[in-house]
Structures are given as C-alpha cells and as structure tokens.
Amino acid sequence: TRYGLEEYVADCVIFLDFRVEGQISTRRLRIVKYRGSSHGADEYPFLIDEGGLSILPITSLGLDHPVSTERIATGVPRLDAMLGGEGFYRGSTVLVSGTAGTGKTSLAATFADAACRRGERCLYFAFEESPNQIIRNMASIGLGLGRWVKKGLLKFHSARPSLYGLEMHLATFHKAIEGFDPGVLIVDPISNLSAAGTASEVKSILTRLIDHLKMQKISAFLTDLTHFGGSLESTNEEISSLIDTWLLLRDIELNGERNRGLYILKSRGTHHSHQIQEFLLTNQGIRLVDIYTGSGQVLTGSARAAQEAVEKESELALRSEADRSLRERESKRNILKAKIAALRAEFDAESEELHLMAEDEQRRRAALTDDRLEMGRLRQGKPSAPQAKRAGKKRERSGK
C-alpha cells in the first residue's frame, strides 16, 4: 500500500520480478523474509505453464549423486574397444565436439539407436533439425530411427533455442524427463543454447541439468559445435570439468581431400585409446579404421587407400618372390636327392661286384692250395688224394 507497512507486518514476504533481457523474458522469485525459518535469499527463476507454477533452484544439487559400474555400448564396436572394450559407464555424461560436418549428429543418432536396441528409452532434444528430418537423414547411414519412435522407445523434442529463455529450456528438460523416464538423454547441440543467454548462464543451466541427470542415473550424450580456427580442446560453455567422456571429431585435410578423425580426449575411470581413428560414415553405419602412420606419414581417405594398395602390391611381390625361391630350393633338393640316390645305387652295385670278386678270389686261392698239396704228394710217390680215398674204402671192405 501507500504506507509500505506490509513487509514489516507480514511473516513471509516474497518478491516477484519480471525481466526482459535480449528480448527474452524470465520470471524470478526471491524470498525477502520468512520469520522463524532459514530460507534461501537468492533469486529463483520460476515458470507458469499448463502444469502450474514451477520453481527451479539456481544452485547445483551437490556432488553426492550415485554412480554405477555398469557399462553401456555406444553403438560403434570399434569405439567401445577404444573405451576399454565395454563402452562407458551408465549415468555418465558424454560430450562430442567438432566443427560442422564432422558427424556429431550421426554419432548421437547411433548412440540413440544402440540404447533403443537394448530396450531403453531415449529422449532426444534437437535444436537444429526437425524429428522427420533427423529420421530421414539418419536412414542414409543405415539407422531406422522411425521404428523406435513407433515403439515408444525414442522421443524427439525439437525447438529453436531462441523460442524461450534458458530457464524455460531447463524446465522443459525436467518435465520431459519426468514424463518419459528415459535411460538416455541427447542434446544436439548444446552450443545453440548460447542464443538464449550468456556463456555463464548456459554453463549454469547445463550444470544443473547434468547434476539432475546424474541423480537419476540417466546417461547424457551432448554435442557441441566448435568453430574453425578455434581451439578444438575447449568449449564455449566451459563445461569440460563436468564431462566424464569427451570425444573429439576433427577434419583431416591432405592432398586436396578432407576426411574425419575421432580422438578420445578424456574418459574418467576408463583405460582408453590415445590413437586417432579415421571416422567413416557408410550406408551401413559408422566405421572406425586405423590411420596410416607408416614411413613417418599420416594418411587418411584415398591417400591411405592408395598407400595401402602400394604396400599390399609390394607385399604380394615379396610373397611371390619368396614362393619362387621356395619352389627353386625344393627343386634343387629333389635334384640333390636324385643324385644321392643314383650315387648310392652305383655304390651298392660296385660293392656287390667287389663282394663277388672277393668270393672268386677266395675260391681261386682255395683251388690253388689244393693243387699245390696234390703236386706235393705226387712228388713224394704218394697216391693222390682221390686214389688214397679209394684204397681206404677197399681195405674197409676186405676187413669185413
């Protein structure tokens, strides 16, 4: 009233404010006093919608949220292998950053598809494309997101960031989470929220959102657009400390060709790969392949394929030469075996001939000895051995 006594008489005084900043209006509430109670004295944004009045605290929920040791897959087997072989922890926050056209939305859609395949619900907030456009575009890489929408496992929420203020965005997140009860939430991209507030305000909103998701054990997948020429290992929202796993997508330009690369900047609690992998978008989904790093070069795309073809041809030539050498050595071995067999046969034949000659010589010497003995008897007037033998037989008969 005109006397201004109410605030002194009342036990509780609540001050409501309505501000317009950057053509975006936000209602705020502040408890001026509340006798006999310890109350918060900060300003709290509040919303009035069809569900009534909603007040969102501007402070974080704290750092006492539960954690899980369960791992969930990303939908890209090679990426799971890079993340220790099992993906990342349930309830963690994953950030994918990169310049335009590096495949952030494709990776987010692949993650959503993997969640739906596991039977989990996925809530997808899109700030750049309509649901039908996302479904159509992702069909080009082999993802059928439409079937998950029909089954009630995937729900899109598309809106321009400038449609309302950051607090309304946060309220929308909370209401959608409460109504859909997802296991996975995707925000694509968070960088568009800068159109609805300053960098510090965006960080505050994202901090509160991430804390809320961690309390609910909801896995978050956020994409962030970085600009050409800027630092790829930082975010405009300054939320790197809130991120559990940070995937960096980058362009690799070589020989007039641009290709994509993926690198794991960090992954808390996970032994992860430190190698850059070439990131390919095919009609059968996302595929990661090793970058060629031989001979002091880093090659991707057609340059990698050409170099691998050259190396394969060289390897085939070396293998062919090795096979030819083996065949030649085997042929020489067979020839040597044949020569050895021929020499052994010749040696055996000569040995047999020598053996026969030795037997003939032995018989000749025996006959010569007998002849000499016979000649000796004849010279002494003795009968020859045959005559003596016959005379002995006659004496035996006469004695009988």
Protein backbone atom coordinates (compact mmCIF):
# COMPACT_ATOMS: atom_id res chain seq x y z
CA THR A 1 0.00 0.00 0.00
CA ARG A 2 0.99 3.64 0.04
CA TYR A 3 2.20 3.33 3.62
CA GLY A 4 4.56 0.38 2.91
CA LEU A 5 3.86 -1.38 6.18
CA GLU A 6 3.03 -4.82 4.79
CA GLU A 7 6.57 -6.10 4.59
CA TYR A 8 7.07 -5.29 8.25
CA VAL A 9 3.79 -6.77 9.42
CA ALA A 10 3.88 -9.95 7.31
CA ASP A 11 5.76 -13.05 8.47
CA CYS A 12 6.77 -14.02 4.94
CA VAL A 13 7.50 -11.65 2.08
CA ILE A 14 8.00 -12.99 -1.44
CA PHE A 15 9.19 -10.63 -4.16
CA LEU A 16 8.27 -11.42 -7.78
CA ASP A 17 10.13 -9.88 -10.67
CA PHE A 18 9.66 -9.96 -14.44
CA ARG A 19 12.72 -9.15 -16.55
CA VAL A 20 13.37 -8.95 -20.26
CA GLU A 21 16.95 -9.46 -21.42
CA GLY A 22 17.83 -9.79 -25.07
CA GLN A 23 14.13 -9.88 -25.98
CA ILE A 24 13.69 -12.98 -23.77
CA SER A 25 11.55 -12.67 -20.65
CA THR A 26 12.16 -14.52 -17.39
CA ARG A 27 10.16 -14.51 -14.18
CA ARG A 28 12.14 -14.54 -10.94
CA LEU A 29 11.21 -15.08 -7.33
CA ARG A 30 13.04 -14.01 -4.17
CA ILE A 31 12.11 -14.62 -0.54
CA VAL A 32 12.70 -11.28 1.14
CA LYS A 33 11.98 -12.61 4.63
CA TYR A 34 10.47 -15.60 6.34
CA ARG A 35 10.32 -15.35 10.09
CA GLY A 36 11.42 -18.36 12.10
CA SER A 37 12.91 -20.15 9.10
CA SER A 38 16.29 -20.46 7.43
CA HIS A 39 15.48 -19.70 3.81
CA GLY A 40 17.36 -19.11 0.64
CA ALA A 41 17.87 -15.47 -0.17
CA ASP A 42 18.84 -15.93 -3.82
CA GLU A 43 16.68 -15.20 -6.83
CA TYR A 44 14.98 -18.24 -8.31
CA PRO A 45 13.55 -18.37 -11.83
CA PHE A 46 10.01 -19.68 -11.97
CA LEU A 47 7.62 -20.65 -14.72
CA ILE A 48 3.88 -20.62 -15.16
CA ASP A 49 2.52 -23.13 -17.65
CA GLU A 50 -0.32 -25.59 -18.06
CA GLY A 51 1.11 -27.65 -15.22
CA GLY A 52 1.05 -24.78 -12.77
CA LEU A 53 3.95 -22.92 -11.21
CA SER A 54 7.45 -24.43 -11.30
CA ILE A 55 10.42 -23.10 -9.33
CA LEU A 56 13.89 -24.27 -10.28
CA PRO A 57 16.82 -23.79 -7.89
CA ILE A 58 19.81 -21.99 -9.38
CA THR A 59 22.29 -23.88 -7.23
CA SER A 60 23.61 -27.34 -8.01
CA LEU A 61 22.19 -30.41 -6.37
CA GLY A 62 25.60 -31.20 -4.92
CA LEU A 63 28.13 -33.94 -5.52
CA ASP A 64 26.51 -36.82 -3.68
CA HIS A 65 24.89 -38.48 -6.68
CA PRO A 66 25.05 -42.30 -7.03
CA VAL A 67 27.39 -44.00 -9.50
CA SER A 68 27.18 -47.22 -11.48
CA THR A 69 29.81 -49.72 -12.59
CA GLU A 70 27.63 -50.96 -15.47
CA ARG A 71 28.96 -50.26 -18.95
CA ILE A 72 26.78 -49.42 -21.94
CA ALA A 73 27.70 -49.65 -25.61
CA THR A 74 27.97 -46.67 -27.92
CA GLY A 75 26.66 -48.50 -30.99
CA VAL A 76 30.10 -48.43 -32.65
CA PRO A 77 32.05 -51.61 -31.73
CA ARG A 78 35.44 -50.07 -32.55
CA LEU A 79 34.64 -47.08 -30.31
CA ASP A 80 33.66 -49.44 -27.49
CA ALA A 81 37.04 -51.12 -27.92
CA MET A 82 38.75 -47.73 -27.68
CA LEU A 83 36.85 -47.16 -24.40
CA GLY A 84 38.29 -50.21 -22.69
CA GLY A 85 36.24 -52.72 -24.66
CA GLU A 86 32.86 -52.14 -22.98
CA GLY A 87 31.81 -48.56 -23.71
CA PHE A 88 31.30 -46.00 -20.94
CA TYR A 89 29.64 -46.06 -17.53
CA ARG A 90 25.89 -45.78 -17.15
CA GLY A 91 24.87 -42.38 -15.84
CA SER A 92 27.97 -40.65 -17.18
CA THR A 93 27.98 -37.55 -19.36
CA VAL A 94 29.49 -37.83 -22.84
CA LEU A 95 30.43 -34.80 -24.92
CA VAL A 96 31.11 -34.95 -28.66
CA SER A 97 32.62 -31.77 -30.03
CA GLY A 98 33.77 -30.87 -33.51
CA THR A 99 33.38 -28.47 -36.39
CA ALA A 100 30.46 -28.50 -38.80
CA GLY A 101 30.06 -31.67 -40.85
CA THR A 102 32.28 -33.91 -38.73
CA GLY A 103 29.45 -36.33 -37.85
CA LYS A 104 28.31 -35.27 -34.37
CA THR A 105 24.60 -35.81 -35.05
CA SER A 106 25.32 -39.14 -36.75
CA LEU A 107 27.20 -40.33 -33.67
CA ALA A 108 24.39 -39.10 -31.40
CA ALA A 109 21.80 -40.93 -33.52
CA THR A 110 23.91 -44.10 -33.41
CA PHE A 111 24.02 -43.85 -29.64
CA ALA A 112 20.23 -43.41 -29.55
CA ASP A 113 19.77 -46.44 -31.81
CA ALA A 114 22.01 -48.56 -29.55
CA ALA A 115 20.01 -47.52 -26.48
CA CYS A 116 16.72 -48.45 -28.14
CA ARG A 117 18.15 -51.81 -29.21
CA ARG A 118 18.85 -52.51 -25.54
CA GLY A 119 15.21 -51.74 -24.77
CA GLU A 120 15.96 -48.41 -23.09
CA ARG A 121 14.04 -45.21 -23.65
CA CYS A 122 15.88 -42.33 -25.27
CA LEU A 123 14.88 -38.67 -25.13
CA TYR A 124 16.36 -36.65 -28.00
CA PHE A 125 16.43 -32.83 -27.79
CA ALA A 126 17.23 -31.34 -31.20
CA PHE A 127 17.89 -27.61 -31.62
CA GLU A 128 18.73 -27.62 -35.34
CA GLU A 129 16.59 -30.22 -37.15
CA SER A 130 13.04 -31.49 -37.01
CA PRO A 131 12.37 -35.11 -35.99
CA ASN A 132 11.34 -36.12 -39.52
CA GLN A 133 14.49 -34.58 -40.97
CA ILE A 134 16.70 -36.42 -38.49
CA ILE A 135 14.94 -39.72 -39.21
CA ARG A 136 15.31 -39.20 -42.97
CA ASN A 137 18.96 -38.16 -42.81
CA MET A 138 20.00 -40.97 -40.48
CA ALA A 139 18.46 -43.53 -42.84
CA SER A 140 21.36 -42.71 -45.19
CA ILE A 141 23.78 -44.35 -42.73
CA GLY A 142 21.59 -47.37 -42.10
CA LEU A 143 19.75 -46.17 -38.97
CA GLY A 144 16.00 -46.77 -38.84
CA LEU A 145 15.03 -44.40 -36.02
CA GLY A 146 11.40 -44.25 -37.12
CA ARG A 147 10.66 -47.75 -35.82
CA TRP A 148 11.84 -46.79 -32.34
CA VAL A 149 9.55 -43.77 -32.36
CA LYS A 150 6.62 -46.03 -33.26
CA LYS A 151 7.54 -48.45 -30.48
CA GLY A 152 7.66 -45.62 -27.95
CA LEU A 153 11.35 -46.08 -27.14
CA LEU A 154 12.53 -42.87 -28.82
CA LYS A 155 11.01 -39.44 -28.32
CA PHE A 156 12.10 -36.25 -30.07
CA HIS A 157 11.70 -32.73 -28.76
CA SER A 158 12.67 -30.14 -31.37
CA ALA A 159 12.61 -26.38 -30.82
CA ARG A 160 14.68 -23.33 -31.66
CA PRO A 161 16.84 -22.25 -28.70
CA SER A 162 15.59 -18.68 -29.05
CA LEU A 163 11.97 -19.78 -28.58
CA TYR A 164 12.21 -19.09 -24.86
CA GLY A 165 14.74 -18.43 -22.13
CA LEU A 166 17.23 -20.81 -20.60
CA GLU A 167 15.11 -21.37 -17.52
CA MET A 168 12.23 -22.47 -19.72
CA HIS A 169 14.59 -24.83 -21.51
CA LEU A 170 15.66 -26.30 -18.18
CA ALA A 171 12.03 -26.65 -17.11
CA THR A 172 11.29 -28.38 -20.41
CA PHE A 173 14.15 -30.82 -19.78
CA HIS A 174 12.84 -31.61 -16.32
CA LYS A 175 9.23 -32.07 -17.40
CA ALA A 176 10.17 -34.24 -20.38
CA ILE A 177 12.40 -36.42 -18.20
CA GLU A 178 9.69 -36.78 -15.59
CA GLY A 179 7.05 -37.67 -18.17
CA PHE A 180 9.10 -40.07 -20.33
CA ASP A 181 11.51 -41.63 -17.78
CA PRO A 182 14.40 -42.15 -20.24
CA GLY A 183 17.60 -44.08 -19.68
CA VAL A 184 19.46 -41.89 -22.18
CA LEU A 185 19.14 -38.19 -22.95
CA ILE A 186 20.65 -36.50 -26.01
CA VAL A 187 21.05 -32.74 -26.50
CA ASP A 188 22.11 -31.80 -30.04
CA PRO A 189 23.80 -29.32 -29.85
CA ILE A 190 24.36 -27.52 -26.55
CA SER A 191 26.21 -24.72 -28.34
CA ASN A 192 22.89 -23.42 -29.70
CA LEU A 193 21.78 -22.55 -26.17
CA SER A 194 24.13 -19.57 -26.32
CA ALA A 195 21.43 -17.83 -28.39
CA ALA A 196 19.24 -17.76 -25.27
CA GLY A 197 21.77 -16.46 -22.76
CA THR A 198 25.35 -15.66 -21.87
CA ALA A 199 28.11 -18.24 -21.54
CA SER A 200 27.91 -18.18 -17.73
CA GLU A 201 24.13 -18.65 -17.84
CA VAL A 202 24.45 -21.56 -20.27
CA LYS A 203 27.06 -23.16 -18.01
CA SER A 204 24.75 -22.74 -15.02
CA ILE A 205 21.84 -24.36 -16.85
CA LEU A 206 23.97 -27.27 -18.09
CA THR A 207 25.48 -27.79 -14.66
CA ARG A 208 22.05 -28.10 -13.11
CA LEU A 209 20.86 -30.36 -15.91
CA ILE A 210 23.88 -32.67 -15.64
CA ASP A 211 23.52 -32.88 -11.86
CA HIS A 212 19.85 -33.78 -12.24
CA LEU A 213 20.68 -36.47 -14.80
CA LYS A 214 23.37 -37.96 -12.56
CA MET A 215 20.94 -38.12 -9.65
CA GLN A 216 18.56 -40.08 -11.90
CA LYS A 217 21.39 -42.28 -13.34
CA ILE A 218 20.48 -41.07 -16.83
CA SER A 219 23.28 -41.27 -19.39
CA ALA A 220 23.73 -37.96 -21.22
CA PHE A 221 25.09 -37.53 -24.73
CA LEU A 222 25.80 -33.89 -25.61
CA THR A 223 27.11 -32.47 -28.88
CA ASP A 224 28.94 -29.18 -29.19
CA LEU A 225 29.77 -27.21 -32.32
CA THR A 226 33.24 -25.70 -32.37
CA HIS A 227 34.28 -23.08 -34.89
CA PHE A 228 37.01 -23.28 -37.50
CA GLY A 229 40.25 -21.73 -36.34
CA GLY A 230 39.35 -22.01 -32.66
CA SER A 231 40.69 -24.39 -30.06
CA LEU A 232 39.19 -27.84 -30.52
CA GLU A 233 40.06 -28.88 -26.97
CA SER A 234 37.82 -26.34 -25.24
CA THR A 235 34.12 -25.46 -25.18
CA ASN A 236 32.45 -22.07 -25.26
CA GLU A 237 30.23 -23.23 -22.41
CA GLU A 238 33.27 -24.09 -20.22
CA ILE A 239 31.79 -27.38 -19.05
CA SER A 240 34.79 -29.62 -19.71
CA SER A 241 35.15 -30.28 -15.97
CA LEU A 242 31.57 -31.62 -15.88
CA ILE A 243 32.17 -34.12 -18.69
CA ASP A 244 33.07 -37.75 -17.98
CA THR A 245 33.93 -38.81 -21.54
CA TRP A 246 34.94 -36.31 -24.22
CA LEU A 247 35.10 -37.38 -27.86
CA LEU A 248 36.69 -35.02 -30.33
CA LEU A 249 35.79 -35.13 -34.03
CA ARG A 250 38.10 -33.27 -36.37
CA ASP A 251 38.76 -32.71 -40.05
CA ILE A 252 41.98 -34.06 -41.54
CA GLU A 253 42.89 -32.37 -44.82
CA LEU A 254 45.53 -33.96 -47.04
CA ASN A 255 46.26 -33.86 -50.77
CA GLY A 256 43.13 -31.83 -51.52
CA GLU A 257 40.86 -34.21 -49.63
CA ARG A 258 39.11 -33.76 -46.29
CA ASN A 259 38.44 -36.72 -44.03
CA ARG A 260 37.19 -37.14 -40.49
CA GLY A 261 39.10 -38.31 -37.45
CA LEU A 262 37.97 -39.29 -33.94
CA TYR A 263 40.01 -38.93 -30.78
CA ILE A 264 39.17 -39.62 -27.11
CA LEU A 265 40.23 -36.51 -25.25
CA LYS A 266 39.38 -37.97 -21.86
CA SER A 267 37.32 -40.72 -20.24
CA ARG A 268 37.18 -40.79 -16.47
CA GLY A 269 37.73 -44.16 -14.82
CA THR A 270 38.42 -45.88 -18.13
CA HIS A 271 41.61 -47.09 -19.74
CA HIS A 272 41.11 -45.68 -23.22
CA SER A 273 42.95 -45.46 -26.51
CA HIS A 274 45.14 -42.46 -27.31
CA GLN A 275 45.15 -43.10 -31.06
CA ILE A 276 43.32 -41.08 -33.70
CA GLN A 277 40.93 -43.22 -35.74
CA GLU A 278 39.56 -42.35 -39.16
CA PHE A 279 35.81 -41.75 -38.83
CA LEU A 280 33.82 -43.09 -41.80
CA LEU A 281 30.10 -42.62 -42.48
CA THR A 282 28.87 -45.51 -44.63
CA ASN A 283 25.44 -46.75 -45.68
CA GLN A 284 25.84 -49.44 -43.02
CA GLY A 285 26.63 -47.08 -40.18
CA ILE A 286 29.69 -45.54 -38.59
CA ARG A 287 33.01 -47.30 -39.07
CA LEU A 288 36.36 -46.52 -37.47
CA VAL A 289 39.59 -47.55 -39.21
CA ASP A 290 43.24 -47.11 -38.34
CA ILE A 291 45.02 -44.12 -39.78
CA TYR A 292 48.10 -44.98 -41.86
CA THR A 293 51.18 -43.90 -39.89
CA GLY A 294 53.97 -45.73 -41.70
CA SER A 295 57.16 -44.16 -43.10
CA GLY A 296 56.67 -41.05 -40.97
CA GLN A 297 53.40 -40.17 -42.73
CA VAL A 298 49.83 -39.72 -41.51
CA LEU A 299 47.40 -40.61 -44.29
CA THR A 300 43.61 -40.88 -44.45
CA GLY A 301 40.95 -41.42 -47.09
CA SER A 302 42.06 -42.11 -50.65
CA ALA A 303 45.70 -41.36 -49.77
CA ARG A 304 45.60 -44.08 -47.12
CA ALA A 305 43.86 -46.48 -49.52
CA ALA A 306 46.43 -45.75 -52.25
CA GLN A 307 49.37 -46.23 -49.89
CA GLU A 308 47.86 -49.43 -48.52
CA ALA A 309 47.38 -50.66 -52.10
CA VAL A 310 51.06 -49.93 -52.86
CA GLU A 311 52.15 -51.74 -49.73
CA LYS A 312 49.84 -54.65 -50.50
CA GLU A 313 51.26 -54.91 -54.02
CA SER A 314 54.78 -54.80 -52.61
CA GLU A 315 53.87 -57.43 -50.06
CA LEU A 316 52.39 -59.64 -52.78
CA ALA A 317 55.56 -59.21 -54.86
CA LEU A 318 57.74 -60.16 -51.90
CA ARG A 319 55.50 -63.12 -51.16
CA SER A 320 55.64 -64.21 -54.81
CA GLU A 321 59.44 -63.92 -54.79
CA ALA A 322 59.58 -65.91 -51.56
CA ASP A 323 57.33 -68.60 -53.06
CA ARG A 324 59.52 -68.73 -56.17
CA SER A 325 62.64 -69.11 -54.01
CA LEU A 326 60.97 -71.89 -52.04
CA ARG A 327 59.99 -73.71 -55.23
CA GLU A 328 63.52 -73.32 -56.61
CA ARG A 329 65.04 -74.64 -53.40
CA GLU A 330 62.62 -77.57 -53.38
CA SER A 331 63.57 -78.37 -56.97
CA LYS A 332 67.27 -78.30 -56.06
CA ARG A 333 66.55 -80.54 -53.08
CA ASN A 334 64.78 -83.06 -55.33
CA ILE A 335 67.65 -82.98 -57.83
CA LEU A 336 70.12 -83.50 -55.00
CA LYS A 337 68.07 -86.39 -53.65
CA ALA A 338 68.03 -87.97 -57.11
CA LYS A 339 71.82 -87.60 -57.45
CA ILE A 340 72.35 -89.06 -53.99
CA ALA A 341 70.07 -91.99 -54.86
CA ALA A 342 71.98 -92.58 -58.12
CA LEU A 343 75.35 -92.44 -56.34
CA ARG A 344 74.06 -94.79 -53.64
CA ALA A 345 72.84 -97.25 -56.30
CA GLU A 346 76.19 -97.03 -58.09
CA PHE A 347 77.99 -97.53 -54.79
CA ASP A 348 75.83 -100.55 -53.94
CA ALA A 349 76.48 -102.07 -57.40
CA GLU A 350 80.23 -101.59 -57.04
CA SER A 351 80.08 -103.04 -53.53
CA GLU A 352 78.25 -106.13 -54.83
CA GLU A 353 80.76 -106.53 -57.64
CA LEU A 354 83.66 -106.26 -55.20
CA HIS A 355 82.00 -108.83 -52.96
CA LEU A 356 81.66 -111.27 -55.88
CA MET A 357 85.26 -110.65 -56.90
CA ALA A 358 86.37 -111.34 -53.33
CA GLU A 359 84.47 -114.64 -53.30
CA ASP A 360 86.01 -115.63 -56.67
CA GLU A 361 89.46 -114.77 -55.35
CA GLN A 362 88.84 -116.86 -52.24
CA ARG A 363 87.75 -119.84 -54.32
CA ARG A 364 90.73 -119.41 -56.65
CA ARG A 365 93.13 -119.38 -53.71
CA ALA A 366 91.48 -122.48 -52.21
CA ALA A 367 91.80 -124.33 -55.54
CA LEU A 368 95.44 -123.23 -55.87
CA THR A 369 96.19 -124.53 -52.39
CA ASP A 370 94.61 -127.87 -53.21
CA ASP A 371 96.65 -128.13 -56.41
CA ARG A 372 99.89 -127.44 -54.56
CA LEU A 373 99.11 -130.10 -51.97
CA GLU A 374 98.33 -132.62 -54.72
CA MET A 375 101.57 -131.87 -56.53
CA GLY A 376 103.46 -132.38 -53.27
CA ARG A 377 102.00 -135.86 -52.77
CA LEU A 378 102.77 -136.87 -56.31
CA ARG A 379 106.43 -135.81 -55.94
CA GLN A 380 106.75 -137.91 -52.79
CA GLY A 381 105.26 -141.01 -54.53
CA LYS A 382 102.15 -140.90 -52.54
CA PRO A 383 98.83 -141.55 -54.12
CA SER A 384 96.78 -138.66 -54.94
CA ALA A 385 94.01 -137.73 -52.63
CA PRO A 386 91.34 -139.42 -54.73
CA GLN A 387 93.42 -142.66 -55.06
CA ALA A 388 94.09 -142.73 -51.31
CA LYS A 389 90.45 -142.33 -50.67
CA ARG A 390 89.57 -145.31 -52.93
CA ALA A 391 92.27 -147.54 -51.36
CA GLY A 392 90.91 -146.83 -47.92
CA LYS A 393 87.47 -147.92 -48.95
CA LYS A 394 88.86 -151.28 -50.34
CA ARG A 395 90.63 -152.07 -47.05
CA GLU A 396 87.47 -151.44 -45.19
CA ARG A 397 85.60 -153.92 -47.40
CA SER A 398 88.32 -156.64 -47.15
CA GLY A 399 88.44 -156.34 -43.36
CA LYS A 400 84.83 -157.06 -43.13
